[in-house]
Amino acid sequence: MMQYTKIALIPAYEPQSDLLPLLRGLSSSGFTIVLVDDGSSAVARPVLIKAEAYAKVLHHDKNKGKGAALKTGYFYIERTYQKPYVVVTVDADGQHKLPDVQRVVEEAERYPGTLVLGRRDFKGEIPLRSRFGNALTRGVFRLAAGRAIYDTQTGLRACTNHLVPALLTIRGDRYEYEMNQLMELSRDGTDIREIGIETVYENNNQSSHFRVIRDSLRIYGQILKFAAASITGFLVDLVSFTILSAMGCSIAVANVAARVISATANYTMNRALVFQDRQKVGRSLWRYLLLAVSILAGNTLLLYLLVQGAGIGRVLAKILAECLCFIFSFLVQKRWVFSSAREEVQA
């Protein structure tokens, strides 16, 4: 097997003294350590000074977020260390044990170009917000990416130098960066592997800087914006359908006309706000039109079946049909219609 330089990347905000045993353990196990201080206050200065005995410490002048700290570290590593190397991200709060860090690194070395995740099993006394949050995120991720990853929020991740340039292009400066990382790499066909690790929460995870509402909105941002755009489009569609039906139009005519109106609004919102597409309008527009026609045909057929076959009222049938089309539409738009949106590179 090729000899890789082992590099541990640790983002830290207001680190406490329990960071130092982690650094000593990593250093004694042969890891080169890059610690990114994400704008900590003067209270953390004594710990950061002691950390310099074990790690290269980089500093942000103000708090920029976990994603920004990780990208600062990746950039420094890419610019500084000779290839080949393997880099593993480790949380500063003591959640990740040294044997697990080593196992994740060894797996990454066996599969160059793969992202390896340390998968927690969430058994035993796990804080409710962590258990619930990961279950919710797991479901959202499967819906959005079309693949199953058990622990989408793990901070223990390893890869060889082959993936670092791609990691630097992924959007997000805070906790959403790690979810975007999984989303973007999944879309690009990158292999993502999980191996089991110990689940550890020190002091009921009180040292976590995760802000439940604000950071959850960042993590789920794209699918929430898509849902909002879809709901807006649905309301436009429903109002148009209801008005046209009241004017005496047939089901087919009312449904087609309403869909044309709502599709125009929905495409505009999805392109500009949800997927932030930067490609020429023509490329995504014809794909969106093809999708819209396909959904329209299926939606109209389903509407007929619900109204004529099941005897459901028109408005209720319309609501049911739209709900069934939501997931299909999101997946196709994300993976095909606006598939080049990742070209908007940030660092």
Protein backbone atom coordinates (compact mmCIF):
# COMPACT_ATOMS: atom_id res chain seq x y z
CA MET A 1 0.00 0.00 0.00
CA MET A 2 1.21 3.51 -0.79
CA GLN A 3 2.69 5.48 2.12
CA TYR A 4 0.43 8.43 2.95
CA THR A 5 1.24 11.33 5.23
CA LYS A 6 -1.50 11.28 7.87
CA ILE A 7 -2.98 14.73 8.54
CA ALA A 8 -5.64 15.49 11.14
CA LEU A 9 -7.68 18.64 10.46
CA ILE A 10 -9.48 20.03 13.52
CA PRO A 11 -11.86 23.02 13.35
CA ALA A 12 -12.13 24.59 16.80
CA TYR A 13 -14.29 27.35 18.24
CA GLU A 14 -13.84 28.19 21.92
CA PRO A 15 -11.91 24.92 22.55
CA GLN A 16 -11.65 23.65 26.10
CA SER A 17 -8.81 21.87 27.88
CA ASP A 18 -10.04 18.43 26.77
CA LEU A 19 -8.70 19.31 23.31
CA LEU A 20 -5.12 18.85 24.54
CA PRO A 21 -5.29 15.08 25.27
CA LEU A 22 -6.75 14.61 21.78
CA LEU A 23 -3.83 16.50 20.25
CA ARG A 24 -1.28 14.53 22.28
CA GLY A 25 -2.83 11.25 21.22
CA LEU A 26 -2.92 12.17 17.54
CA SER A 27 0.65 13.48 17.63
CA SER A 28 2.00 10.37 19.34
CA SER A 29 0.24 8.22 16.73
CA GLY A 30 2.10 9.87 13.87
CA PHE A 31 -0.45 12.43 12.74
CA THR A 32 0.49 15.86 11.46
CA ILE A 33 -2.14 18.18 12.95
CA VAL A 34 -3.68 21.33 11.47
CA LEU A 35 -5.91 23.16 13.95
CA VAL A 36 -8.10 26.02 12.71
CA ASP A 37 -9.16 28.46 15.41
CA ASP A 38 -12.46 29.84 14.14
CA GLY A 39 -12.35 33.24 15.83
CA SER A 40 -12.32 32.08 19.45
CA SER A 41 -12.38 34.63 22.28
CA ALA A 42 -9.52 35.45 24.64
CA VAL A 43 -10.87 32.83 27.06
CA ALA A 44 -9.63 30.08 24.72
CA ARG A 45 -6.19 31.64 24.22
CA PRO A 46 -4.35 29.53 26.87
CA VAL A 47 -5.61 26.30 25.28
CA LEU A 48 -4.66 27.49 21.78
CA ILE A 49 -1.17 28.47 22.94
CA LYS A 50 -0.63 25.01 24.44
CA ALA A 51 -2.01 23.46 21.23
CA GLU A 52 0.88 24.96 19.28
CA ALA A 53 3.17 22.34 20.83
CA TYR A 54 1.35 19.66 18.82
CA ALA A 55 -0.30 21.37 15.87
CA LYS A 56 0.00 24.04 13.23
CA VAL A 57 -2.58 26.53 14.47
CA LEU A 58 -4.34 28.75 11.92
CA HIS A 59 -6.56 31.62 13.03
CA HIS A 60 -9.70 33.33 11.75
CA ASP A 61 -9.97 36.93 12.94
CA LYS A 62 -13.68 36.34 13.62
CA ASN A 63 -16.05 33.39 13.77
CA LYS A 64 -16.84 32.31 10.20
CA GLY A 65 -18.35 28.86 10.77
CA LYS A 66 -17.29 25.22 10.69
CA GLY A 67 -17.41 24.98 6.90
CA ALA A 68 -15.17 28.01 6.50
CA ALA A 69 -12.72 26.60 9.06
CA LEU A 70 -12.58 23.27 7.24
CA LYS A 71 -11.94 24.96 3.91
CA THR A 72 -9.20 27.11 5.45
CA GLY A 73 -7.57 23.90 6.66
CA TYR A 74 -8.01 22.07 3.35
CA PHE A 75 -6.51 25.03 1.48
CA TYR A 76 -3.49 25.15 3.79
CA ILE A 77 -2.97 21.39 3.51
CA GLU A 78 -3.26 21.40 -0.27
CA ARG A 79 -0.78 24.24 -0.52
CA THR A 80 1.69 22.97 2.09
CA TYR A 81 2.02 19.20 2.15
CA GLN A 82 3.52 16.90 -0.42
CA LYS A 83 1.29 14.26 -1.97
CA PRO A 84 0.22 11.60 -1.30
CA TYR A 85 -1.51 12.36 1.97
CA VAL A 86 -4.71 11.40 3.72
CA VAL A 87 -6.61 14.02 5.70
CA VAL A 88 -9.13 13.24 8.42
CA THR A 89 -11.42 15.82 10.02
CA VAL A 90 -11.78 15.41 13.78
CA ASP A 91 -14.11 17.34 16.10
CA ALA A 92 -12.45 19.30 18.89
CA ASP A 93 -14.97 18.31 21.59
CA GLY A 94 -13.71 14.81 22.34
CA GLN A 95 -16.39 12.88 20.43
CA HIS A 96 -13.89 11.01 18.28
CA LYS A 97 -11.65 8.40 19.82
CA LEU A 98 -8.17 7.72 18.48
CA PRO A 99 -8.80 4.07 17.44
CA ASP A 100 -11.80 5.23 15.39
CA VAL A 101 -9.77 8.03 13.78
CA GLN A 102 -7.13 5.49 12.77
CA ARG A 103 -9.70 3.05 11.35
CA VAL A 104 -11.32 5.75 9.22
CA VAL A 105 -7.90 6.80 7.91
CA GLU A 106 -6.93 3.22 7.07
CA GLU A 107 -10.16 2.79 5.12
CA ALA A 108 -9.46 5.97 3.15
CA GLU A 109 -5.96 4.70 2.35
CA ARG A 110 -7.43 1.44 1.04
CA TYR A 111 -9.85 3.31 -1.22
CA PRO A 112 -8.13 6.44 -2.65
CA GLY A 113 -10.57 9.07 -3.92
CA THR A 114 -13.32 7.83 -1.59
CA LEU A 115 -14.90 9.82 1.22
CA VAL A 116 -14.98 7.67 4.37
CA LEU A 117 -17.42 8.54 7.15
CA GLY A 118 -17.27 7.44 10.77
CA ARG A 119 -20.81 6.13 11.35
CA ARG A 120 -22.21 6.44 14.88
CA ASP A 121 -24.83 3.85 15.85
CA PHE A 122 -26.83 6.19 18.16
CA LYS A 123 -27.42 3.51 20.76
CA GLY A 124 -27.45 4.07 24.50
CA GLU A 125 -27.84 7.45 26.22
CA ILE A 126 -27.79 9.82 23.25
CA PRO A 127 -29.09 13.41 23.58
CA LEU A 128 -32.58 13.64 22.10
CA ARG A 129 -31.70 16.52 19.78
CA SER A 130 -28.80 14.52 18.34
CA ARG A 131 -30.86 11.35 17.87
CA PHE A 132 -33.81 13.20 16.34
CA GLY A 133 -31.63 15.56 14.29
CA ASN A 134 -29.71 12.77 12.63
CA ALA A 135 -32.86 10.76 11.89
CA LEU A 136 -34.47 13.81 10.29
CA THR A 137 -31.36 14.71 8.31
CA ARG A 138 -30.97 11.11 7.16
CA GLY A 139 -34.47 11.18 5.70
CA VAL A 140 -34.01 14.59 4.08
CA PHE A 141 -30.71 13.51 2.57
CA ARG A 142 -32.19 10.32 1.11
CA LEU A 143 -34.98 12.35 -0.43
CA ALA A 144 -32.64 14.96 -1.88
CA ALA A 145 -29.70 12.79 -2.96
CA GLY A 146 -31.44 9.51 -3.73
CA ARG A 147 -28.98 7.46 -1.69
CA ALA A 148 -28.86 6.23 1.88
CA ILE A 149 -26.22 7.44 4.34
CA TYR A 150 -26.87 6.50 7.95
CA ASP A 151 -24.86 9.23 9.71
CA THR A 152 -25.01 12.38 7.61
CA GLN A 153 -23.87 14.64 10.44
CA THR A 154 -20.68 12.88 11.49
CA GLY A 155 -17.64 15.14 11.71
CA LEU A 156 -15.19 12.23 11.42
CA ARG A 157 -14.42 12.08 7.70
CA ALA A 158 -11.31 11.01 5.81
CA CYS A 159 -10.11 11.12 2.22
CA THR A 160 -6.89 11.09 0.26
CA ASN A 161 -5.48 14.15 -1.49
CA HIS A 162 -7.43 13.24 -4.65
CA LEU A 163 -10.65 14.70 -3.17
CA VAL A 164 -9.31 17.87 -1.55
CA PRO A 165 -9.66 20.13 -4.65
CA ALA A 166 -13.34 19.14 -4.92
CA LEU A 167 -13.90 19.77 -1.20
CA LEU A 168 -12.62 23.32 -1.65
CA THR A 169 -15.30 24.09 -4.25
CA ILE A 170 -18.30 23.04 -2.17
CA ARG A 171 -20.62 25.79 -1.00
CA GLY A 172 -21.36 26.68 2.61
CA ASP A 173 -19.45 28.25 5.47
CA ARG A 174 -21.23 26.80 8.48
CA TYR A 175 -22.78 23.45 9.39
CA GLU A 176 -24.50 23.18 6.02
CA TYR A 177 -21.07 22.64 4.43
CA GLU A 178 -20.91 19.03 5.61
CA MET A 179 -24.36 18.25 4.20
CA ASN A 180 -23.51 20.03 0.93
CA GLN A 181 -20.34 17.96 0.82
CA LEU A 182 -22.37 14.74 0.82
CA MET A 183 -24.89 16.16 -1.66
CA GLU A 184 -22.33 17.38 -4.18
CA LEU A 185 -20.07 14.33 -4.00
CA SER A 186 -23.08 12.03 -4.36
CA ARG A 187 -24.21 13.91 -7.44
CA ASP A 188 -20.71 13.65 -8.93
CA GLY A 189 -20.67 9.88 -8.41
CA THR A 190 -17.93 9.92 -5.74
CA ASP A 191 -17.83 6.75 -3.66
CA ILE A 192 -18.87 7.37 -0.03
CA ARG A 193 -18.25 4.63 2.52
CA GLU A 194 -19.25 4.34 6.18
CA ILE A 195 -17.56 2.38 8.95
CA GLY A 196 -18.88 2.04 12.49
CA ILE A 197 -17.37 4.08 15.31
CA GLU A 198 -18.10 4.59 18.99
CA THR A 199 -20.80 7.12 19.83
CA VAL A 200 -19.51 9.55 22.45
CA TYR A 201 -21.23 12.64 23.84
CA GLU A 202 -19.33 14.47 26.57
CA ASN A 203 -21.60 16.21 29.15
CA ASN A 204 -24.69 15.52 27.02
CA ASN A 205 -23.03 17.35 24.10
CA GLN A 206 -23.27 20.71 25.89
CA SER A 207 -20.07 21.95 24.24
CA SER A 208 -21.62 21.80 20.78
CA HIS A 209 -21.97 25.16 19.04
CA PHE A 210 -24.76 23.87 16.76
CA ARG A 211 -27.66 26.36 16.74
CA VAL A 212 -30.69 24.16 16.31
CA ILE A 213 -33.03 26.48 14.37
CA ARG A 214 -30.57 28.61 12.38
CA ASP A 215 -28.15 25.82 11.49
CA SER A 216 -30.96 23.36 10.71
CA LEU A 217 -32.35 25.89 8.24
CA ARG A 218 -28.91 26.10 6.63
CA ILE A 219 -28.59 22.30 6.41
CA TYR A 220 -32.06 21.80 4.96
CA GLY A 221 -31.96 25.07 3.03
CA GLN A 222 -32.19 23.79 -0.52
CA ILE A 223 -35.04 21.37 0.00
CA LEU A 224 -36.92 23.94 2.13
CA LYS A 225 -36.56 26.56 -0.61
CA PHE A 226 -37.69 23.98 -3.17
CA ALA A 227 -40.71 23.18 -1.02
CA ALA A 228 -41.54 26.88 -0.68
CA ALA A 229 -41.24 27.39 -4.45
CA SER A 230 -43.34 24.28 -5.05
CA ILE A 231 -46.01 25.43 -2.60
CA THR A 232 -46.11 28.85 -4.26
CA GLY A 233 -46.35 27.24 -7.69
CA PHE A 234 -49.00 24.85 -6.38
CA LEU A 235 -51.10 27.74 -5.04
CA VAL A 236 -50.84 29.53 -8.39
CA ASP A 237 -51.80 26.27 -10.10
CA LEU A 238 -54.68 25.56 -7.72
CA VAL A 239 -56.15 29.07 -7.97
CA SER A 240 -55.86 29.04 -11.75
CA PHE A 241 -57.40 25.55 -11.94
CA THR A 242 -60.28 26.55 -9.66
CA ILE A 243 -61.02 29.73 -11.62
CA LEU A 244 -60.89 27.97 -14.99
CA SER A 245 -63.11 25.14 -13.71
CA ALA A 246 -65.62 27.69 -12.44
CA MET A 247 -65.60 29.26 -15.91
CA GLY A 248 -66.78 25.93 -17.34
CA CYS A 249 -63.50 24.56 -18.74
CA SER A 250 -63.08 20.81 -18.93
CA ILE A 251 -60.72 19.05 -16.50
CA ALA A 252 -58.05 18.66 -19.17
CA VAL A 253 -58.18 22.27 -20.40
CA ALA A 254 -58.27 23.71 -16.88
CA ASN A 255 -55.38 21.51 -15.73
CA VAL A 256 -53.18 22.24 -18.76
CA ALA A 257 -53.72 25.99 -18.65
CA ALA A 258 -53.16 26.16 -14.90
CA ARG A 259 -49.96 24.12 -15.22
CA VAL A 260 -48.55 26.42 -17.92
CA ILE A 261 -49.07 29.44 -15.67
CA SER A 262 -47.65 27.81 -12.55
CA ALA A 263 -44.73 26.13 -14.38
CA THR A 264 -43.48 29.50 -15.61
CA ALA A 265 -43.45 30.85 -12.06
CA ASN A 266 -41.93 27.65 -10.65
CA TYR A 267 -39.08 27.47 -13.17
CA THR A 268 -38.13 31.08 -12.48
CA MET A 269 -38.05 30.54 -8.70
CA ASN A 270 -36.15 27.24 -8.88
CA ARG A 271 -33.55 28.54 -11.29
CA ALA A 272 -32.83 31.76 -9.41
CA LEU A 273 -33.44 30.90 -5.76
CA VAL A 274 -33.31 27.14 -5.16
CA PHE A 275 -30.59 25.68 -7.37
CA GLN A 276 -28.92 29.04 -8.19
CA ASP A 277 -28.29 27.85 -11.73
CA ARG A 278 -25.61 29.75 -13.68
CA GLN A 279 -25.85 27.94 -17.00
CA LYS A 280 -27.57 29.44 -20.04
CA VAL A 281 -31.34 29.50 -19.74
CA GLY A 282 -31.81 27.44 -22.90
CA ARG A 283 -30.08 24.33 -21.52
CA SER A 284 -32.10 24.10 -18.33
CA LEU A 285 -35.31 25.42 -19.87
CA TRP A 286 -35.78 22.62 -22.41
CA ARG A 287 -35.07 20.06 -19.70
CA TYR A 288 -37.56 21.72 -17.39
CA LEU A 289 -40.17 21.82 -20.16
CA LEU A 290 -39.67 18.11 -20.85
CA LEU A 291 -40.06 17.39 -17.14
CA ALA A 292 -43.12 19.64 -16.92
CA VAL A 293 -44.79 17.89 -19.87
CA SER A 294 -44.06 14.47 -18.34
CA ILE A 295 -45.44 15.49 -14.97
CA LEU A 296 -48.42 17.16 -16.63
CA ALA A 297 -49.31 13.97 -18.48
CA GLY A 298 -48.97 11.85 -15.36
CA ASN A 299 -50.70 14.42 -13.20
CA THR A 300 -53.66 14.73 -15.57
CA LEU A 301 -54.05 10.95 -15.83
CA LEU A 302 -53.89 10.62 -12.06
CA LEU A 303 -56.41 13.45 -11.69
CA TYR A 304 -58.87 11.64 -13.99
CA LEU A 305 -58.42 8.40 -12.07
CA LEU A 306 -59.05 10.09 -8.73
CA VAL A 307 -62.07 12.08 -9.91
CA GLN A 308 -63.73 9.66 -12.32
CA GLY A 309 -62.56 6.37 -10.85
CA ALA A 310 -62.43 7.06 -7.12
CA GLY A 311 -65.15 9.72 -7.01
CA ILE A 312 -62.96 12.26 -5.20
CA GLY A 313 -63.78 15.95 -5.56
CA ARG A 314 -61.75 17.94 -8.07
CA VAL A 315 -59.93 20.19 -5.60
CA LEU A 316 -59.02 17.37 -3.20
CA ALA A 317 -57.92 15.19 -6.13
CA LYS A 318 -55.73 18.05 -7.34
CA ILE A 319 -54.05 18.31 -3.92
CA LEU A 320 -53.36 14.57 -3.78
CA ALA A 321 -51.95 14.48 -7.30
CA GLU A 322 -49.60 17.40 -6.63
CA CYS A 323 -48.28 15.80 -3.44
CA LEU A 324 -47.37 12.63 -5.33
CA CYS A 325 -45.47 14.65 -7.96
CA PHE A 326 -43.42 16.69 -5.46
CA ILE A 327 -40.63 14.21 -4.69
CA PHE A 328 -40.24 13.11 -8.29
CA SER A 329 -39.97 16.71 -9.47
CA PHE A 330 -37.35 17.65 -6.86
CA LEU A 331 -35.08 14.71 -7.66
CA VAL A 332 -35.23 15.22 -11.42
CA GLN A 333 -34.62 18.98 -11.19
CA LYS A 334 -31.69 18.57 -8.80
CA ARG A 335 -29.96 15.77 -10.70
CA TRP A 336 -30.77 16.67 -14.30
CA VAL A 337 -32.50 19.99 -15.01
CA PHE A 338 -30.13 22.17 -12.96
CA SER A 339 -27.30 19.65 -12.70
CA SER A 340 -24.48 22.08 -13.44
CA ALA A 341 -25.27 24.45 -10.57
CA ARG A 342 -22.14 23.25 -8.75
CA GLU A 343 -20.03 25.27 -11.19
CA GLU A 344 -20.55 28.31 -8.91
CA VAL A 345 -17.30 27.84 -6.99
CA GLN A 346 -16.76 29.47 -3.63
CA ALA A 347 -13.92 29.23 -1.15
